[in-house]
Amino acid sequence: MGQVALPQKTRFVLLFVDVLILCAASWFAFGRVFPANNDKGFWFYTALLGLVLGSRLDTPFYVSPADVVLYAAPAAIALVLGNAWADWSEGIRIGYCIAMGFCVSIGVVAALAILTKDSEKLSLQRASNVCRILAEALGSPRVILWS
């Protein structure tokens, strides 16, 4: 069974609920609804941007491989800009590496889907289709910008 097509008004209400959940996470982590504009609050504003720009209103159902590249690249750049490796504990460093690896990997998978899409070789067509399916499943703004 496919996804139910929600009206835009309902998606907007769900966007508001998502923002409330994000604010609750900030309150839990920092004791503030909106964290400071520094490296500690960077994750919050990146996730907020992803919610507002993509997950509910722009691409709520289908994400193309080109969309995935457009979400993965800024997410990886945001991770680089928010990097405070020298100040982080080992657990935060591991989380950072996982998030960066995910953004780069899904961006590469989406790029491969784009580059091999029109191939005449059956094996490349199949590989492109697998890459496209992976990019669609793992490359939505909800997944990438929350990683």
C-alpha atoms as a PDB file:
ATOM      1  CA  MET A   1       0.000   0.000   0.000  1.00  0.00           C
ATOM      2  CA  GLY A   2       1.350   3.481  -0.884  1.00  0.00           C
ATOM      3  CA  GLN A   3       1.488   6.623   1.161  1.00  0.00           C
ATOM      4  CA  VAL A   4      -1.748   8.466   1.729  1.00  0.00           C
ATOM      5  CA  ALA A   5      -1.751  11.879   0.061  1.00  0.00           C
ATOM      6  CA  LEU A   6      -2.322  14.381   2.842  1.00  0.00           C
ATOM      7  CA  PRO A   7      -3.692  17.803   1.981  1.00  0.00           C
ATOM      8  CA  GLN A   8      -1.221  20.670   2.176  1.00  0.00           C
ATOM      9  CA  LYS A   9      -3.066  22.121   5.191  1.00  0.00           C
ATOM     10  CA  THR A  10      -2.539  18.862   7.118  1.00  0.00           C
ATOM     11  CA  ARG A  11       1.119  18.734   6.083  1.00  0.00           C
ATOM     12  CA  PHE A  12       1.525  22.292   7.353  1.00  0.00           C
ATOM     13  CA  VAL A  13       0.055  21.318  10.738  1.00  0.00           C
ATOM     14  CA  LEU A  14       2.411  18.331  10.854  1.00  0.00           C
ATOM     15  CA  LEU A  15       5.300  20.669  10.061  1.00  0.00           C
ATOM     16  CA  PHE A  16       4.300  22.745  13.099  1.00  0.00           C
ATOM     17  CA  VAL A  17       4.252  19.574  15.241  1.00  0.00           C
ATOM     18  CA  ASP A  18       7.715  18.637  13.937  1.00  0.00           C
ATOM     19  CA  VAL A  19       9.025  22.079  14.892  1.00  0.00           C
ATOM     20  CA  LEU A  20       7.534  21.671  18.378  1.00  0.00           C
ATOM     21  CA  ILE A  21       9.307  18.313  18.731  1.00  0.00           C
ATOM     22  CA  LEU A  22      12.567  19.906  17.601  1.00  0.00           C
ATOM     23  CA  CYS A  23      12.099  22.694  20.166  1.00  0.00           C
ATOM     24  CA  ALA A  24      11.422  20.088  22.876  1.00  0.00           C
ATOM     25  CA  ALA A  25      14.666  18.322  21.950  1.00  0.00           C
ATOM     26  CA  SER A  26      16.489  21.641  22.255  1.00  0.00           C
ATOM     27  CA  TRP A  27      14.893  22.245  25.644  1.00  0.00           C
ATOM     28  CA  PHE A  28      15.962  18.798  26.795  1.00  0.00           C
ATOM     29  CA  ALA A  29      19.532  19.218  25.478  1.00  0.00           C
ATOM     30  CA  PHE A  30      20.197  22.871  26.326  1.00  0.00           C
ATOM     31  CA  GLY A  31      17.439  24.053  28.650  1.00  0.00           C
ATOM     32  CA  ARG A  32      16.292  26.506  25.959  1.00  0.00           C
ATOM     33  CA  VAL A  33      13.612  26.273  23.277  1.00  0.00           C
ATOM     34  CA  PHE A  34      15.943  27.888  20.743  1.00  0.00           C
ATOM     35  CA  PRO A  35      19.645  27.224  21.316  1.00  0.00           C
ATOM     36  CA  ALA A  36      22.331  29.868  20.896  1.00  0.00           C
ATOM     37  CA  ASN A  37      23.659  30.706  17.438  1.00  0.00           C
ATOM     38  CA  ASN A  38      26.887  28.769  17.913  1.00  0.00           C
ATOM     39  CA  ASP A  39      28.198  25.290  17.202  1.00  0.00           C
ATOM     40  CA  LYS A  40      25.963  23.782  19.910  1.00  0.00           C
ATOM     41  CA  GLY A  41      22.840  25.182  18.262  1.00  0.00           C
ATOM     42  CA  PHE A  42      23.948  24.520  14.704  1.00  0.00           C
ATOM     43  CA  TRP A  43      22.232  21.105  14.534  1.00  0.00           C
ATOM     44  CA  PHE A  44      18.961  22.713  15.593  1.00  0.00           C
ATOM     45  CA  TYR A  45      18.986  25.361  12.886  1.00  0.00           C
ATOM     46  CA  THR A  46      20.088  22.860  10.222  1.00  0.00           C
ATOM     47  CA  ALA A  47      17.228  20.527  11.167  1.00  0.00           C
ATOM     48  CA  LEU A  48      14.793  23.448  11.279  1.00  0.00           C
ATOM     49  CA  LEU A  49      15.877  24.517   7.807  1.00  0.00           C
ATOM     50  CA  GLY A  50      15.355  20.972   6.548  1.00  0.00           C
ATOM     51  CA  LEU A  51      11.868  20.849   8.031  1.00  0.00           C
ATOM     52  CA  VAL A  52      10.839  24.187   6.607  1.00  0.00           C
ATOM     53  CA  LEU A  53      12.373  23.745   3.166  1.00  0.00           C
ATOM     54  CA  GLY A  54      11.721  20.166   2.377  1.00  0.00           C
ATOM     55  CA  SER A  55      10.253  17.510   4.496  1.00  0.00           C
ATOM     56  CA  ARG A  56       6.615  18.507   4.761  1.00  0.00           C
ATOM     57  CA  LEU A  57       5.817  21.108   2.131  1.00  0.00           C
ATOM     58  CA  ASP A  58       8.262  20.682  -0.758  1.00  0.00           C
ATOM     59  CA  THR A  59       9.004  16.966  -1.092  1.00  0.00           C
ATOM     60  CA  PRO A  60       6.615  15.130   1.230  1.00  0.00           C
ATOM     61  CA  PHE A  61       6.201  12.023  -0.933  1.00  0.00           C
ATOM     62  CA  TYR A  62       8.804  11.598  -3.648  1.00  0.00           C
ATOM     63  CA  VAL A  63      12.468  12.565  -3.579  1.00  0.00           C
ATOM     64  CA  SER A  64      14.390  12.323  -6.838  1.00  0.00           C
ATOM     65  CA  PRO A  65      18.120  11.517  -6.902  1.00  0.00           C
ATOM     66  CA  ALA A  66      18.791  15.150  -7.875  1.00  0.00           C
ATOM     67  CA  ASP A  67      16.861  16.268  -4.767  1.00  0.00           C
ATOM     68  CA  VAL A  68      18.976  13.923  -2.656  1.00  0.00           C
ATOM     69  CA  VAL A  69      22.203  15.495  -3.932  1.00  0.00           C
ATOM     70  CA  LEU A  70      20.725  18.928  -3.186  1.00  0.00           C
ATOM     71  CA  TYR A  71      19.945  17.859   0.398  1.00  0.00           C
ATOM     72  CA  ALA A  72      23.099  15.820   1.093  1.00  0.00           C
ATOM     73  CA  ALA A  73      25.612  18.452  -0.040  1.00  0.00           C
ATOM     74  CA  PRO A  74      24.387  21.263   2.273  1.00  0.00           C
ATOM     75  CA  ALA A  75      24.038  18.791   5.151  1.00  0.00           C
ATOM     76  CA  ALA A  76      27.666  17.697   4.730  1.00  0.00           C
ATOM     77  CA  ILE A  77      28.768  21.331   4.439  1.00  0.00           C
ATOM     78  CA  ALA A  78      26.830  22.163   7.616  1.00  0.00           C
ATOM     79  CA  LEU A  79      28.605  19.326   9.413  1.00  0.00           C
ATOM     80  CA  VAL A  80      31.986  20.631   8.264  1.00  0.00           C
ATOM     81  CA  LEU A  81      31.153  24.175   9.377  1.00  0.00           C
ATOM     82  CA  GLY A  82      29.941  22.995  12.776  1.00  0.00           C
ATOM     83  CA  ASN A  83      33.030  20.853  13.356  1.00  0.00           C
ATOM     84  CA  ALA A  84      34.716  21.274  16.748  1.00  0.00           C
ATOM     85  CA  TRP A  85      36.652  18.003  16.657  1.00  0.00           C
ATOM     86  CA  ALA A  86      39.302  19.050  19.188  1.00  0.00           C
ATOM     87  CA  ASP A  87      36.641  19.866  21.801  1.00  0.00           C
ATOM     88  CA  TRP A  88      34.478  16.776  21.308  1.00  0.00           C
ATOM     89  CA  SER A  89      34.356  13.581  23.308  1.00  0.00           C
ATOM     90  CA  GLU A  90      34.896  10.257  21.578  1.00  0.00           C
ATOM     91  CA  GLY A  91      31.135   9.575  21.415  1.00  0.00           C
ATOM     92  CA  ILE A  92      30.421  12.869  19.667  1.00  0.00           C
ATOM     93  CA  ARG A  93      33.275  12.234  17.240  1.00  0.00           C
ATOM     94  CA  ILE A  94      31.813   8.831  16.376  1.00  0.00           C
ATOM     95  CA  GLY A  95      28.370  10.374  15.841  1.00  0.00           C
ATOM     96  CA  TYR A  96      29.895  13.070  13.648  1.00  0.00           C
ATOM     97  CA  CYS A  97      31.705  10.477  11.515  1.00  0.00           C
ATOM     98  CA  ILE A  98      28.531   8.437  11.127  1.00  0.00           C
ATOM     99  CA  ALA A  99      26.499  11.507  10.111  1.00  0.00           C
ATOM    100  CA  MET A 100      29.176  12.718   7.684  1.00  0.00           C
ATOM    101  CA  GLY A 101      29.613   9.236   6.233  1.00  0.00           C
ATOM    102  CA  PHE A 102      25.864   8.948   5.736  1.00  0.00           C
ATOM    103  CA  CYS A 103      25.587  12.324   3.974  1.00  0.00           C
ATOM    104  CA  VAL A 104      28.518  11.606   1.673  1.00  0.00           C
ATOM    105  CA  SER A 105      27.407   8.027   0.961  1.00  0.00           C
ATOM    106  CA  ILE A 106      23.817   8.886   0.104  1.00  0.00           C
ATOM    107  CA  GLY A 107      25.028  11.800  -2.039  1.00  0.00           C
ATOM    108  CA  VAL A 108      27.331   9.441  -3.961  1.00  0.00           C
ATOM    109  CA  VAL A 109      24.542   6.862  -4.355  1.00  0.00           C
ATOM    110  CA  ALA A 110      22.223   9.559  -5.749  1.00  0.00           C
ATOM    111  CA  ALA A 111      24.956  10.829  -8.085  1.00  0.00           C
ATOM    112  CA  LEU A 112      25.526   7.282  -9.352  1.00  0.00           C
ATOM    113  CA  ALA A 113      21.793   6.931 -10.005  1.00  0.00           C
ATOM    114  CA  ILE A 114      21.894  10.111 -12.076  1.00  0.00           C
ATOM    115  CA  LEU A 115      25.066   9.218 -13.973  1.00  0.00           C
ATOM    116  CA  THR A 116      24.010   5.668 -14.888  1.00  0.00           C
ATOM    117  CA  LYS A 117      20.321   6.344 -15.510  1.00  0.00           C
ATOM    118  CA  ASP A 118      20.508   6.402 -19.308  1.00  0.00           C
ATOM    119  CA  SER A 119      23.055   3.623 -19.755  1.00  0.00           C
ATOM    120  CA  GLU A 120      22.494   1.082 -22.501  1.00  0.00           C
ATOM    121  CA  LYS A 121      24.078  -1.727 -20.455  1.00  0.00           C
ATOM    122  CA  LEU A 122      21.530  -3.789 -18.556  1.00  0.00           C
ATOM    123  CA  SER A 123      23.845  -4.188 -15.549  1.00  0.00           C
ATOM    124  CA  LEU A 124      24.272  -0.396 -15.254  1.00  0.00           C
ATOM    125  CA  GLN A 125      20.513   0.114 -15.644  1.00  0.00           C
ATOM    126  CA  ARG A 126      19.927  -2.300 -12.759  1.00  0.00           C
ATOM    127  CA  ALA A 127      22.614  -0.640 -10.645  1.00  0.00           C
ATOM    128  CA  SER A 128      21.072   2.748 -11.409  1.00  0.00           C
ATOM    129  CA  ASN A 129      17.657   1.503 -10.343  1.00  0.00           C
ATOM    130  CA  VAL A 130      19.060   0.150  -7.059  1.00  0.00           C
ATOM    131  CA  CYS A 131      20.815   3.474  -6.443  1.00  0.00           C
ATOM    132  CA  ARG A 132      17.619   5.370  -7.242  1.00  0.00           C
ATOM    133  CA  ILE A 133      15.588   3.265  -4.810  1.00  0.00           C
ATOM    134  CA  LEU A 134      18.201   3.707  -2.061  1.00  0.00           C
ATOM    135  CA  ALA A 135      18.380   7.446  -2.710  1.00  0.00           C
ATOM    136  CA  GLU A 136      14.588   7.768  -2.558  1.00  0.00           C
ATOM    137  CA  ALA A 137      14.372   5.759   0.665  1.00  0.00           C
ATOM    138  CA  LEU A 138      17.300   7.306   2.515  1.00  0.00           C
ATOM    139  CA  GLY A 139      17.661  10.714   0.910  1.00  0.00           C
ATOM    140  CA  SER A 140      14.618  12.614   2.073  1.00  0.00           C
ATOM    141  CA  PRO A 141      15.208  15.835   4.004  1.00  0.00           C
ATOM    142  CA  ARG A 142      13.754  14.185   7.104  1.00  0.00           C
ATOM    143  CA  VAL A 143      16.499  11.565   7.016  1.00  0.00           C
ATOM    144  CA  ILE A 144      19.459  13.617   5.762  1.00  0.00           C
ATOM    145  CA  LEU A 145      18.972  16.780   7.760  1.00  0.00           C
ATOM    146  CA  TRP A 146      18.232  14.881  10.960  1.00  0.00           C
ATOM    147  CA  SER A 147      21.329  12.686  10.589  1.00  0.00           C
END
